[in-house]
Amino acid sequence: MLEIFARDEGNAIPISAVSEATLPGWLEAHPKSRQWIAAIGFKGEPGTFTFIPDSGGRPSGVLASPADGASVWAYSGLSMALPEGTYALEIEDRDAKLTDMALGWALGSYAFTRYKKPQRSPATLVWPTKDDRAEVERIANGVFLARDLINTPCEDMGPEHLADAALAVARTHGAAAHVITGEELLLQNYPTIHIVGRASSRAPRLIDLRWGDESAPKVTLVGKGVCFDTGGLDLKSREGMLEMKKDMGGAAVVLGLASALMSANTPIRLRVLIPAVENSVAGNAYRPLDIVRTRSGKTVEIGNTDAEGRLILCDALAEADSERPDLLVDCATLTGAARSPLGPSSRRCSAMTTQLPRDCRMPVSAWETRYGGCPSGGRIASRSMANAPISTMSRKARLRDQSSGLSISPNSYRHRPPGHTWTSWPPIQPRNPDAPRAAKQRACARSMPTSGSDMGDCVSAAAS
């Protein structure tokens, strides 16, 4: 039970919802507060609030303007912005989604307390009537679980700790769980999970959790569990490595989601697959240009050891797809290169089923759009990226498909999102394979070497 909700209103301070448009009407109904509101300059701008004092100077109420966006975030900031105490939402709008608002209040109260006690407690909210408290609590608890796992540093959240967290979730909900560890991964044909994690002193693992009626629709969740990513032999910079404890965020999300689904007793056959590894540097670390055969039978040449996420996921996705689930969801912190087509403020999502309503389908990557498949051999819905959110910055970039030698631009898509006009993007044009060599030849010609060794360098460059 979440302690941020109260059933007895008692002396709860009421929170009244206003906006820039409705504030004048509220002041007409409460003329005694007009001078106070004018003095403090409260305008009812989204995401702002103010206290209303009584004649003795004590707070008699709160005026709050909901934040822009989804209703779940309307008052999510108030739980930590308001002083400790008990408050009650007074929302007159019959269409208001009070359950979402209560969930936002709960999510806004989160604090990571494993190593340090919080400086204060969140404000308490009187539970809104006619709302589903059980739903709010199971979703909030699932989100808090994911946040706690992500926030825990790798020293205390390695592959073995992530497996322990998954086993704890399984025990709580009566699910079956199995963990494949170390060399056993090779024996059971999970070679890419093993090759990525073998350099760490903490053995790689594949976590497999199952729950529910076998005859129910099959839902499979796959989460990337890279507990720390140094980049491997293609070592990250200090700045790039600093927050890599979060690289198991996909695994944390699917565990939190699985916990919420099982708490709701959802009528599904649920399976959770988490490849848990630490991408480390050692004498037995995998190397650039190594070739590994994946679980699906396809071979992969390693172009960069810092692209480990797709390696561990391809084995997990191949196993997930072997059951032909009705819904397959993959969550991963993958990859920074997604900023190229989508821009720095967008999140990359991939749809892996055609059974969802059209408005729920997500854009897929360039490879998936062009070829309708993925290296793991899984089933992926082929969707145009024209439905992807295109930021201003991303319009100036092009996504290069190295496999086909083509430069893919939004002009190449038949359907464009309304309101977008791309003028700076050239259409698809074949890439000249001799361009790099020609550039080197031009550079050498401009340099005008004066010694035999310099001339040799130019000849070598031109021939490379």
Protein backbone atom coordinates (compact mmCIF):
# COMPACT_ATOMS: atom_id res chain seq x y z
CA MET A 1 0.00 0.00 0.00
CA LEU A 2 1.34 3.42 -0.95
CA GLU A 3 1.63 5.72 2.03
CA ILE A 4 1.03 8.89 0.03
CA PHE A 5 -2.75 8.37 -0.05
CA ALA A 6 -5.21 8.91 2.82
CA ARG A 7 -8.85 7.84 3.13
CA ASP A 8 -9.97 10.20 5.90
CA GLU A 9 -10.12 13.79 4.68
CA GLY A 10 -9.88 15.27 8.20
CA ASN A 11 -8.22 18.66 7.87
CA ALA A 12 -7.14 18.17 4.27
CA ILE A 13 -6.33 21.34 2.34
CA PRO A 14 -8.46 21.50 -0.84
CA ILE A 15 -6.76 21.88 -4.23
CA SER A 16 -8.86 23.75 -6.79
CA ALA A 17 -8.03 23.49 -10.47
CA VAL A 18 -7.84 26.69 -12.51
CA SER A 19 -6.28 27.77 -15.79
CA GLU A 20 -5.44 31.06 -17.42
CA ALA A 21 -8.89 30.98 -19.01
CA THR A 22 -10.87 30.04 -15.88
CA LEU A 23 -8.98 32.11 -13.29
CA PRO A 24 -11.06 35.28 -13.85
CA GLY A 25 -14.25 33.31 -13.24
CA TRP A 26 -12.81 31.80 -10.07
CA LEU A 27 -11.90 35.29 -8.80
CA GLU A 28 -15.45 36.45 -9.51
CA ALA A 29 -16.71 33.67 -7.26
CA HIS A 30 -14.06 34.39 -4.57
CA PRO A 31 -13.70 38.19 -4.41
CA LYS A 32 -11.87 38.09 -1.07
CA SER A 33 -8.93 36.38 -2.75
CA ARG A 34 -8.67 38.86 -5.63
CA GLN A 35 -6.22 41.20 -3.86
CA TRP A 36 -4.01 38.29 -2.76
CA ILE A 37 -3.85 36.77 -6.23
CA ALA A 38 -3.00 40.14 -7.76
CA ALA A 39 -0.30 40.79 -5.15
CA ILE A 40 1.57 37.54 -5.77
CA GLY A 41 1.13 37.70 -9.54
CA PHE A 42 -0.48 34.27 -9.97
CA LYS A 43 -1.69 33.96 -13.57
CA GLY A 44 -2.85 30.34 -13.71
CA GLU A 45 -0.06 29.33 -16.08
CA PRO A 46 0.28 25.57 -16.66
CA GLY A 47 2.21 23.79 -13.90
CA THR A 48 1.94 26.60 -11.32
CA PHE A 49 0.15 26.81 -7.97
CA THR A 50 -0.39 29.14 -5.04
CA PHE A 51 -1.77 28.93 -1.52
CA ILE A 52 -4.89 30.85 -0.53
CA PRO A 53 -4.60 32.13 3.07
CA ASP A 54 -7.49 32.47 5.50
CA SER A 55 -8.06 35.50 7.72
CA GLY A 56 -5.45 34.22 10.16
CA GLY A 57 -2.78 33.75 7.50
CA ARG A 58 -3.06 29.97 7.51
CA PRO A 59 -3.48 28.12 4.18
CA SER A 60 -7.15 27.50 3.47
CA GLY A 61 -6.69 26.10 -0.01
CA VAL A 62 -4.46 25.70 -3.03
CA LEU A 63 -5.03 27.02 -6.53
CA ALA A 64 -3.25 24.81 -9.07
CA SER A 65 -3.09 24.98 -12.83
CA PRO A 66 -2.55 21.52 -14.36
CA ALA A 67 0.59 20.97 -16.38
CA ASP A 68 0.32 20.60 -20.13
CA GLY A 69 0.24 17.14 -21.65
CA ALA A 70 -1.31 13.87 -20.59
CA SER A 71 -3.64 13.91 -17.58
CA VAL A 72 -1.32 11.62 -15.64
CA TRP A 73 1.19 14.49 -15.37
CA ALA A 74 -1.36 17.21 -14.61
CA TYR A 75 -0.53 17.41 -10.88
CA SER A 76 2.46 15.07 -10.64
CA GLY A 77 4.77 17.86 -9.45
CA LEU A 78 2.61 18.80 -6.49
CA SER A 79 3.44 15.79 -4.31
CA MET A 80 6.96 17.12 -3.74
CA ALA A 81 6.36 20.84 -4.41
CA LEU A 82 3.70 21.26 -1.72
CA PRO A 83 4.74 21.23 1.94
CA GLU A 84 4.17 18.03 3.87
CA GLY A 85 0.53 17.66 4.82
CA THR A 86 -2.75 16.25 3.54
CA TYR A 87 -4.47 17.62 0.46
CA ALA A 88 -7.65 16.84 -1.48
CA LEU A 89 -8.29 17.39 -5.20
CA GLU A 90 -11.50 19.29 -5.93
CA ILE A 91 -11.99 18.76 -9.65
CA GLU A 92 -15.35 19.84 -11.06
CA ASP A 93 -14.69 18.57 -14.59
CA ARG A 94 -16.71 15.36 -15.02
CA ASP A 95 -14.38 14.22 -17.80
CA ALA A 96 -11.30 14.55 -15.62
CA LYS A 97 -9.31 11.33 -15.35
CA LEU A 98 -8.88 11.30 -11.60
CA THR A 99 -7.24 7.87 -11.59
CA ASP A 100 -4.54 9.21 -13.93
CA MET A 101 -4.11 12.28 -11.76
CA ALA A 102 -3.72 10.14 -8.64
CA LEU A 103 -1.17 8.00 -10.48
CA GLY A 104 0.78 11.11 -11.45
CA TRP A 105 0.74 12.25 -7.81
CA ALA A 106 2.19 8.89 -6.82
CA LEU A 107 4.87 8.88 -9.54
CA GLY A 108 5.92 12.40 -8.59
CA SER A 109 6.58 11.27 -5.02
CA TYR A 110 9.32 8.80 -5.99
CA ALA A 111 12.66 8.98 -4.20
CA PHE A 112 15.65 6.64 -4.42
CA THR A 113 16.38 5.81 -0.78
CA ARG A 114 18.70 2.79 -0.90
CA TYR A 115 21.79 4.73 0.15
CA LYS A 116 20.45 7.96 1.56
CA LYS A 117 17.35 8.93 3.49
CA PRO A 118 15.09 11.49 1.79
CA GLN A 119 15.13 15.02 3.15
CA ARG A 120 11.34 15.10 3.36
CA SER A 121 8.22 13.04 2.85
CA PRO A 122 5.85 13.68 -0.05
CA ALA A 123 2.55 15.46 0.47
CA THR A 124 -0.37 13.12 1.15
CA LEU A 125 -3.40 13.06 -1.14
CA VAL A 126 -6.90 12.13 -0.02
CA TRP A 127 -7.88 9.29 -2.32
CA PRO A 128 -10.30 10.56 -5.00
CA THR A 129 -13.65 8.79 -4.93
CA LYS A 130 -14.79 6.52 -7.79
CA ASP A 131 -11.22 5.73 -8.79
CA ASP A 132 -9.30 2.49 -9.09
CA ARG A 133 -6.78 2.59 -6.27
CA ALA A 134 -5.53 -0.92 -7.02
CA GLU A 135 -4.62 0.10 -10.56
CA VAL A 136 -2.75 3.16 -9.38
CA GLU A 137 -0.80 1.18 -6.81
CA ARG A 138 0.22 -1.68 -9.08
CA ILE A 139 1.37 0.69 -11.84
CA ALA A 140 3.21 2.97 -9.41
CA ASN A 141 4.88 0.01 -7.71
CA GLY A 142 5.97 -1.35 -11.09
CA VAL A 143 7.44 2.02 -12.08
CA PHE A 144 9.18 2.37 -8.71
CA LEU A 145 10.70 -1.10 -9.13
CA ALA A 146 12.08 -0.14 -12.54
CA ARG A 147 13.42 3.17 -11.25
CA ASP A 148 15.11 1.55 -8.25
CA LEU A 149 16.83 -1.03 -10.46
CA ILE A 150 18.04 1.62 -12.92
CA ASN A 151 19.28 3.97 -10.19
CA THR A 152 21.30 1.27 -8.41
CA PRO A 153 24.99 1.41 -9.41
CA CYS A 154 26.54 -1.58 -11.13
CA GLU A 155 28.52 -2.66 -8.06
CA ASP A 156 25.17 -3.62 -6.53
CA MET A 157 23.30 -4.28 -9.78
CA GLY A 158 25.39 -6.68 -11.82
CA PRO A 159 23.98 -9.59 -13.84
CA GLU A 160 23.61 -11.71 -10.69
CA HIS A 161 21.74 -8.94 -8.85
CA LEU A 162 19.43 -8.36 -11.81
CA ALA A 163 18.69 -12.09 -11.85
CA ASP A 164 17.94 -11.98 -8.12
CA ALA A 165 15.52 -9.08 -8.67
CA ALA A 166 13.72 -11.05 -11.40
CA LEU A 167 13.51 -14.14 -9.16
CA ALA A 168 12.05 -11.98 -6.38
CA VAL A 169 9.34 -10.70 -8.75
CA ALA A 170 8.63 -14.30 -9.79
CA ARG A 171 8.28 -15.45 -6.17
CA THR A 172 5.97 -12.56 -5.32
CA HIS A 173 3.53 -13.47 -8.10
CA GLY A 174 3.94 -17.24 -8.21
CA ALA A 175 5.71 -17.28 -11.57
CA ALA A 176 8.18 -19.88 -12.77
CA ALA A 177 11.71 -18.60 -13.42
CA HIS A 178 14.90 -20.09 -14.78
CA VAL A 179 18.36 -18.55 -15.18
CA ILE A 180 20.97 -19.83 -17.66
CA THR A 181 24.45 -18.79 -16.49
CA GLY A 182 27.95 -18.65 -17.94
CA GLU A 183 29.17 -21.51 -20.14
CA GLU A 184 25.69 -23.05 -20.03
CA LEU A 185 24.69 -20.30 -22.48
CA LEU A 186 26.89 -21.91 -25.13
CA LEU A 187 25.50 -25.35 -24.44
CA GLN A 188 21.95 -24.05 -24.88
CA ASN A 189 22.83 -22.00 -27.99
CA TYR A 190 22.89 -18.40 -26.79
CA PRO A 191 26.31 -17.50 -28.23
CA THR A 192 25.95 -13.73 -28.58
CA ILE A 193 24.85 -13.28 -24.96
CA HIS A 194 27.90 -15.27 -23.90
CA ILE A 195 30.42 -13.49 -26.14
CA VAL A 196 29.38 -10.03 -24.94
CA GLY A 197 29.44 -10.90 -21.24
CA ARG A 198 32.35 -13.32 -21.02
CA ALA A 199 35.02 -10.67 -20.29
CA SER A 200 33.38 -9.69 -17.01
CA SER A 201 34.22 -11.41 -13.73
CA ARG A 202 30.45 -11.69 -13.30
CA ALA A 203 29.06 -14.33 -15.64
CA PRO A 204 26.43 -13.41 -18.26
CA ARG A 205 22.93 -14.74 -17.83
CA LEU A 206 19.63 -15.26 -19.60
CA ILE A 207 16.67 -14.77 -17.28
CA ASP A 208 13.47 -16.57 -18.32
CA LEU A 209 10.23 -15.91 -16.39
CA ARG A 210 6.87 -17.51 -17.22
CA TRP A 211 3.44 -16.86 -15.72
CA GLY A 212 -0.21 -17.43 -16.53
CA ASP A 213 -2.47 -19.89 -18.30
CA GLU A 214 -0.75 -21.66 -21.22
CA SER A 215 -3.98 -21.47 -23.23
CA ALA A 216 -4.23 -17.67 -22.89
CA PRO A 217 -2.84 -15.22 -25.48
CA LYS A 218 0.94 -15.23 -25.39
CA VAL A 219 2.65 -11.97 -24.48
CA THR A 220 6.45 -11.89 -24.38
CA LEU A 221 8.55 -9.06 -22.99
CA VAL A 222 12.26 -8.83 -23.83
CA GLY A 223 14.49 -6.36 -21.99
CA LYS A 224 18.10 -5.38 -22.62
CA GLY A 225 20.06 -6.04 -19.44
CA VAL A 226 23.53 -4.56 -19.95
CA CYS A 227 24.30 -3.82 -16.31
CA PHE A 228 27.28 -1.69 -17.27
CA ASP A 229 28.66 -0.81 -20.69
CA THR A 230 32.30 0.20 -20.98
CA GLY A 231 32.04 -0.10 -24.74
CA GLY A 232 34.33 -3.13 -24.68
CA LEU A 233 37.58 -2.85 -26.65
CA ASP A 234 35.98 0.06 -28.52
CA LEU A 235 36.13 1.85 -25.20
CA LYS A 236 33.75 4.68 -24.43
CA SER A 237 34.98 8.09 -23.31
CA ARG A 238 34.61 9.09 -19.67
CA GLU A 239 31.54 11.16 -20.50
CA GLY A 240 30.05 8.35 -22.56
CA MET A 241 30.64 5.79 -19.83
CA LEU A 242 29.52 7.88 -16.86
CA GLU A 243 25.85 6.90 -16.83
CA MET A 244 26.12 3.42 -18.28
CA LYS A 245 24.63 1.83 -15.17
CA LYS A 246 21.33 2.71 -16.86
CA ASP A 247 22.04 0.45 -19.84
CA MET A 248 19.90 -2.24 -18.20
CA GLY A 249 16.92 0.10 -18.30
CA GLY A 250 15.06 -2.12 -20.77
CA ALA A 251 15.30 -5.06 -18.38
CA ALA A 252 14.09 -2.89 -15.50
CA VAL A 253 11.10 -1.69 -17.53
CA VAL A 254 9.94 -5.18 -18.51
CA LEU A 255 10.26 -6.38 -14.90
CA GLY A 256 8.17 -3.45 -13.67
CA LEU A 257 5.61 -4.01 -16.42
CA ALA A 258 5.50 -7.75 -15.73
CA SER A 259 4.94 -7.09 -12.03
CA ALA A 260 2.01 -4.78 -12.81
CA LEU A 261 0.47 -7.26 -15.27
CA MET A 262 0.71 -10.14 -12.82
CA SER A 263 -0.65 -7.99 -9.97
CA ALA A 264 -3.69 -7.27 -12.13
CA ASN A 265 -4.10 -10.98 -12.82
CA THR A 266 -4.19 -10.17 -16.53
CA PRO A 267 -5.60 -13.07 -18.58
CA ILE A 268 -2.42 -13.72 -20.60
CA ARG A 269 0.41 -16.23 -20.77
CA LEU A 270 3.31 -13.94 -19.91
CA ARG A 271 6.96 -14.61 -20.65
CA VAL A 272 9.87 -12.33 -19.77
CA LEU A 273 13.33 -12.78 -21.31
CA ILE A 274 16.27 -10.71 -20.06
CA PRO A 275 19.84 -11.18 -21.34
CA ALA A 276 21.93 -9.84 -18.43
CA VAL A 277 25.58 -9.02 -19.10
CA GLU A 278 28.36 -6.59 -18.27
CA ASN A 279 30.29 -5.36 -21.32
CA SER A 280 33.81 -5.28 -19.92
CA VAL A 281 37.42 -5.17 -21.08
CA ALA A 282 39.68 -8.18 -20.53
CA GLY A 283 41.97 -10.54 -22.42
CA ASN A 284 39.02 -12.66 -23.48
CA ALA A 285 36.82 -9.76 -24.59
CA TYR A 286 35.32 -10.04 -28.05
CA ARG A 287 37.04 -7.99 -30.72
CA PRO A 288 36.17 -5.84 -33.74
CA LEU A 289 35.77 -7.98 -36.88
CA ASP A 290 35.16 -11.14 -34.87
CA ILE A 291 32.39 -13.22 -36.42
CA VAL A 292 29.83 -14.96 -34.23
CA ARG A 293 26.98 -17.27 -35.22
CA THR A 294 23.74 -16.23 -33.52
CA ARG A 295 20.98 -18.42 -32.14
CA SER A 296 19.01 -18.01 -35.37
CA GLY A 297 21.93 -19.43 -37.35
CA LYS A 298 22.93 -16.16 -38.96
CA THR A 299 26.49 -14.89 -38.65
CA VAL A 300 27.35 -11.39 -37.46
CA GLU A 301 30.63 -9.57 -37.98
CA ILE A 302 31.44 -7.28 -35.08
CA GLY A 303 31.92 -3.77 -36.41
CA ASN A 304 32.07 -2.12 -33.00
CA THR A 305 32.14 -3.76 -29.57
CA ASP A 306 30.06 -0.87 -28.24
CA ALA A 307 27.09 -2.15 -30.26
CA GLU A 308 26.59 -4.97 -27.76
CA GLY A 309 22.89 -4.40 -27.14
CA ARG A 310 21.70 -5.70 -30.50
CA LEU A 311 23.93 -8.75 -30.06
CA ILE A 312 22.46 -9.93 -26.78
CA LEU A 313 18.96 -9.02 -27.90
CA CYS A 314 19.13 -10.97 -31.16
CA ASP A 315 19.52 -14.28 -29.28
CA ALA A 316 16.77 -13.39 -26.82
CA LEU A 317 14.44 -12.23 -29.61
CA ALA A 318 15.10 -15.37 -31.64
CA GLU A 319 14.06 -17.47 -28.64
CA ALA A 320 11.05 -15.25 -27.99
CA ASP A 321 9.89 -15.53 -31.59
CA SER A 322 10.23 -19.32 -31.58
CA GLU A 323 6.94 -19.51 -29.66
CA ARG A 324 5.17 -17.23 -32.15
CA PRO A 325 3.69 -15.04 -29.39
CA ASP A 326 0.61 -12.92 -30.02
CA LEU A 327 2.50 -9.84 -28.83
CA LEU A 328 6.26 -9.38 -28.58
CA VAL A 329 7.57 -6.22 -26.90
CA ASP A 330 11.27 -5.34 -26.79
CA CYS A 331 12.55 -2.61 -24.46
CA ALA A 332 16.13 -1.37 -24.73
CA THR A 333 18.35 1.65 -24.24
CA LEU A 334 19.28 1.29 -27.88
CA THR A 335 20.86 3.28 -29.37
CA GLY A 336 22.44 6.72 -29.36
CA ALA A 337 22.48 6.58 -33.16
CA ALA A 338 18.68 6.84 -33.08
CA ARG A 339 19.18 10.59 -32.73
CA SER A 340 20.30 10.71 -36.38
CA PRO A 341 16.87 10.04 -37.94
CA LEU A 342 14.63 11.09 -35.05
CA GLY A 343 16.46 13.97 -33.40
CA PRO A 344 17.79 14.35 -29.83
CA SER A 345 14.39 14.95 -28.22
CA SER A 346 12.70 11.84 -29.64
CA ARG A 347 12.58 8.26 -28.43
CA ARG A 348 13.13 5.38 -30.82
CA CYS A 349 10.38 2.75 -30.78
CA SER A 350 9.99 -0.37 -32.89
CA ALA A 351 6.74 -2.17 -33.59
CA MET A 352 7.07 -5.95 -33.55
CA THR A 353 3.50 -6.96 -34.27
CA THR A 354 0.77 -6.20 -36.76
CA GLN A 355 -1.97 -7.08 -34.29
CA LEU A 356 -2.10 -3.67 -32.59
CA PRO A 357 -4.56 -0.89 -33.47
CA ARG A 358 -3.12 1.46 -36.08
CA ASP A 359 -2.74 4.33 -33.61
CA CYS A 360 -0.63 2.09 -31.34
CA ARG A 361 1.92 1.06 -33.96
CA MET A 362 5.37 2.57 -33.71
CA PRO A 363 7.86 3.45 -36.46
CA VAL A 364 10.55 0.92 -37.21
CA SER A 365 14.18 1.44 -38.10
CA ALA A 366 15.48 1.96 -41.62
CA TRP A 367 16.57 -1.67 -41.89
CA GLU A 368 13.17 -2.92 -40.80
CA THR A 369 11.34 -0.50 -43.09
CA ARG A 370 13.34 -1.53 -46.14
CA TYR A 371 13.54 -5.27 -45.54
CA GLY A 372 10.59 -6.09 -43.26
CA GLY A 373 12.75 -8.15 -40.90
CA CYS A 374 15.54 -8.03 -38.35
CA PRO A 375 18.92 -9.77 -37.96
CA SER A 376 17.49 -12.00 -35.21
CA GLY A 377 15.04 -13.54 -37.68
CA GLY A 378 12.03 -12.22 -35.76
CA ARG A 379 8.78 -10.96 -37.26
CA ILE A 380 8.58 -7.20 -37.59
CA ALA A 381 5.79 -5.14 -39.03
CA SER A 382 7.03 -3.13 -42.00
CA ARG A 383 5.96 0.46 -41.41
CA SER A 384 7.02 3.68 -43.05
CA MET A 385 9.12 5.97 -40.89
CA ALA A 386 7.05 8.86 -42.22
CA ASN A 387 4.97 8.47 -39.07
CA ALA A 388 8.00 9.01 -36.86
CA PRO A 389 8.37 12.33 -35.02
CA ILE A 390 10.82 14.40 -37.06
CA SER A 391 12.54 17.20 -35.16
CA THR A 392 13.92 20.37 -36.70
CA MET A 393 17.48 19.24 -36.12
CA SER A 394 16.91 15.82 -37.60
CA ARG A 395 15.66 17.30 -40.88
CA LYS A 396 19.23 18.42 -41.56
CA ALA A 397 20.64 14.91 -41.21
CA ARG A 398 20.39 11.81 -43.36
CA LEU A 399 20.20 8.20 -42.29
CA ARG A 400 22.73 6.19 -44.25
CA ASP A 401 21.98 2.57 -45.00
CA GLN A 402 25.46 1.09 -45.36
CA SER A 403 24.14 -2.26 -46.53
CA SER A 404 22.53 -0.94 -49.71
CA GLY A 405 24.79 2.01 -50.47
CA LEU A 406 21.80 4.37 -50.58
CA SER A 407 21.22 7.60 -48.73
CA ILE A 408 17.69 7.43 -47.31
CA SER A 409 15.81 10.68 -46.91
CA PRO A 410 12.20 11.58 -46.01
CA ASN A 411 11.69 12.63 -49.65
CA SER A 412 11.91 8.95 -50.52
CA TYR A 413 8.80 8.12 -48.49
CA ARG A 414 5.50 8.13 -50.27
CA HIS A 415 3.56 9.43 -47.26
CA ARG A 416 4.71 12.40 -45.23
CA PRO A 417 3.27 13.54 -41.89
CA PRO A 418 0.96 16.53 -42.27
CA GLY A 419 2.54 19.91 -41.62
CA HIS A 420 6.08 18.81 -42.50
CA THR A 421 7.90 20.11 -45.57
CA TRP A 422 11.37 18.83 -46.28
CA THR A 423 13.34 21.05 -48.62
CA SER A 424 16.90 20.50 -47.41
CA TRP A 425 16.88 16.72 -47.87
CA PRO A 426 18.02 15.42 -51.28
CA PRO A 427 16.21 12.44 -52.81
CA ILE A 428 17.67 8.93 -52.81
CA GLN A 429 20.83 8.75 -54.88
CA PRO A 430 23.29 5.87 -55.29
CA ARG A 431 26.49 6.30 -53.31
CA ASN A 432 29.69 6.30 -55.35
CA PRO A 433 31.89 3.50 -53.95
CA ASP A 434 34.98 5.23 -55.37
CA ALA A 435 34.25 8.51 -53.54
CA PRO A 436 36.53 7.88 -50.51
CA ARG A 437 39.47 6.93 -52.73
CA ALA A 438 38.85 9.93 -55.00
CA ALA A 439 38.80 12.24 -51.98
CA LYS A 440 42.17 10.88 -50.84
CA GLN A 441 43.61 11.39 -54.31
CA ARG A 442 42.42 15.01 -54.36
CA ALA A 443 43.84 15.60 -50.89
CA CYS A 444 47.21 14.20 -51.94
CA ALA A 445 47.19 16.29 -55.09
CA ARG A 446 46.60 19.44 -53.07
CA SER A 447 49.34 18.59 -50.58
CA MET A 448 52.08 18.65 -53.31
CA PRO A 449 54.61 16.32 -51.60
CA THR A 450 58.22 17.37 -51.73
CA SER A 451 59.91 14.19 -50.48
CA GLY A 452 59.91 10.58 -51.56
CA SER A 453 58.36 9.41 -48.28
CA ASP A 454 55.50 11.90 -48.62
CA MET A 455 54.91 10.73 -52.18
CA GLY A 456 54.82 7.14 -50.97
CA ASP A 457 52.14 8.04 -48.45
CA CYS A 458 50.04 9.57 -51.20
CA VAL A 459 50.43 6.56 -53.46
CA SER A 460 49.42 4.31 -50.58
CA ALA A 461 46.39 6.46 -49.79
CA ALA A 462 45.27 6.55 -53.39
CA ALA A 463 45.51 2.80 -53.67
CA SER A 464 43.69 2.08 -50.40
